[in-house]
Amino acid sequence: MNWPAGVLGRALAAVYLVACPVLYVGVVWTLIGQLTGDGTPQTPAIVLFLVGALLIIGLSFVLGRWVPERRNKLTKNMRGSQLAYFRLGLGFELWRAWRVVRGERAAAGEPN
């Protein structure tokens, strides 16, 4: 995925670098609480999961137009926002986002 150039790209990448770990921590915390059955409240874990999920959903709509067109059997009928959601949710863009935040690759047209 190509991140936008400039300050917008850095800001969106920084939000993603926060949202993805928050989502995963919420999932793991919830699963540990469910598996151990210790009776502690799951509210903080669920809140972390929801915040991370909502941030990634919002980012996928914003970044949907920067997803390159890839036509194959699985993605031929998907919009850019759907492809962005899958890439962001699975963590495929963490390294690229880190590079954008550090300023190593800020232009949208540079190769991945």
Protein backbone atom coordinates (compact mmCIF):
# COMPACT_ATOMS: atom_id res chain seq x y z
CA MET A 1 0.00 0.00 0.00
CA ASN A 2 1.23 3.47 -0.78
CA TRP A 3 1.01 5.88 2.13
CA PRO A 4 0.20 9.53 1.38
CA ALA A 5 3.10 11.93 1.19
CA GLY A 6 3.89 14.60 3.75
CA VAL A 7 2.41 15.29 7.13
CA LEU A 8 -0.84 13.46 6.36
CA GLY A 9 1.02 10.23 5.65
CA ARG A 10 3.08 10.52 8.81
CA ALA A 11 0.02 11.25 10.96
CA LEU A 12 -1.96 8.33 9.52
CA ALA A 13 1.03 6.00 9.89
CA ALA A 14 1.48 7.07 13.52
CA VAL A 15 -2.20 6.40 14.25
CA TYR A 16 -1.84 2.98 12.66
CA LEU A 17 1.27 2.20 14.72
CA VAL A 18 -0.82 2.83 17.83
CA ALA A 19 -4.04 1.17 16.63
CA CYS A 20 -2.63 -2.18 15.55
CA PRO A 21 -0.89 -3.09 18.83
CA VAL A 22 -3.89 -1.81 20.82
CA LEU A 23 -6.15 -4.12 18.80
CA TYR A 24 -3.88 -7.13 19.33
CA VAL A 25 -3.41 -6.44 23.06
CA GLY A 26 -7.19 -6.24 23.45
CA VAL A 27 -7.66 -9.57 21.68
CA VAL A 28 -4.95 -11.35 23.65
CA TRP A 29 -6.12 -9.89 26.96
CA THR A 30 -9.70 -10.96 26.26
CA LEU A 31 -8.65 -14.48 25.26
CA ILE A 32 -6.45 -14.89 28.33
CA GLY A 33 -9.29 -13.72 30.55
CA GLN A 34 -11.70 -16.13 28.90
CA LEU A 35 -9.34 -19.09 29.05
CA THR A 36 -8.32 -18.62 32.67
CA GLY A 37 -11.81 -17.82 33.91
CA ASP A 38 -10.45 -15.89 36.87
CA GLY A 39 -13.51 -13.63 37.08
CA THR A 40 -11.73 -10.34 36.53
CA PRO A 41 -13.69 -7.78 34.54
CA GLN A 42 -13.03 -7.83 30.81
CA THR A 43 -14.06 -4.22 30.25
CA PRO A 44 -10.54 -2.79 29.74
CA ALA A 45 -9.69 -5.54 27.26
CA ILE A 46 -12.89 -5.03 25.31
CA VAL A 47 -12.37 -1.26 25.26
CA LEU A 48 -8.83 -1.71 23.91
CA PHE A 49 -10.10 -4.07 21.24
CA LEU A 50 -12.90 -1.72 20.18
CA VAL A 51 -10.65 1.34 20.08
CA GLY A 52 -8.09 -0.49 17.94
CA ALA A 53 -10.75 -1.92 15.63
CA LEU A 54 -12.49 1.43 15.15
CA LEU A 55 -9.20 3.17 14.40
CA ILE A 56 -8.27 0.55 11.81
CA ILE A 57 -11.73 0.75 10.21
CA GLY A 58 -11.44 4.53 10.01
CA LEU A 59 -7.94 4.33 8.57
CA SER A 60 -9.08 1.82 5.96
CA PHE A 61 -11.67 4.25 4.64
CA VAL A 62 -9.16 7.10 4.55
CA LEU A 63 -6.36 5.04 2.99
CA GLY A 64 -8.58 3.17 0.54
CA ARG A 65 -7.64 5.34 -2.40
CA TRP A 66 -3.90 4.70 -1.89
CA VAL A 67 -4.21 0.93 -2.27
CA PRO A 68 -2.75 -0.18 -5.60
CA GLU A 69 -5.05 -2.10 -7.90
CA ARG A 70 -4.36 -5.81 -7.78
CA ARG A 71 -6.67 -8.00 -9.70
CA ASN A 72 -6.74 -11.67 -8.80
CA LYS A 73 -9.46 -14.16 -7.93
CA LEU A 74 -9.82 -13.00 -4.34
CA THR A 75 -9.60 -9.24 -4.79
CA LYS A 76 -11.17 -8.58 -8.18
CA ASN A 77 -14.46 -7.36 -6.68
CA MET A 78 -13.06 -5.52 -3.65
CA ARG A 79 -12.86 -1.79 -3.19
CA GLY A 80 -9.68 -0.09 -2.06
CA SER A 81 -11.04 0.41 1.46
CA GLN A 82 -11.70 -3.31 1.80
CA LEU A 83 -8.19 -4.19 0.71
CA ALA A 84 -6.80 -1.55 3.06
CA TYR A 85 -8.83 -3.01 5.95
CA PHE A 86 -7.40 -6.47 5.37
CA ARG A 87 -3.83 -5.20 5.05
CA LEU A 88 -4.12 -2.98 8.13
CA GLY A 89 -5.99 -5.49 10.27
CA LEU A 90 -3.51 -8.28 9.59
CA GLY A 91 -0.54 -6.05 10.35
CA PHE A 92 0.98 -6.19 6.87
CA GLU A 93 1.62 -2.44 6.89
CA LEU A 94 3.44 -2.09 10.22
CA TRP A 95 6.93 -1.96 8.73
CA ARG A 96 5.94 0.45 5.97
CA ALA A 97 4.13 2.68 8.47
CA TRP A 98 7.23 2.73 10.67
CA ARG A 99 9.33 3.77 7.69
CA VAL A 100 6.87 6.56 6.82
CA VAL A 101 6.87 7.89 10.39
CA ARG A 102 10.67 7.92 10.43
CA GLY A 103 10.71 9.75 7.10
CA GLU A 104 12.55 7.05 5.20
CA ARG A 105 9.81 6.71 2.59
CA ALA A 106 7.32 9.53 2.64
CA ALA A 107 6.40 9.88 -1.03
CA ALA A 108 3.37 8.00 -2.31
CA GLY A 109 5.01 6.88 -5.53
CA GLU A 110 8.09 5.18 -4.11
CA PRO A 111 8.36 1.39 -4.34
CA ASN A 112 7.49 -0.71 -1.29
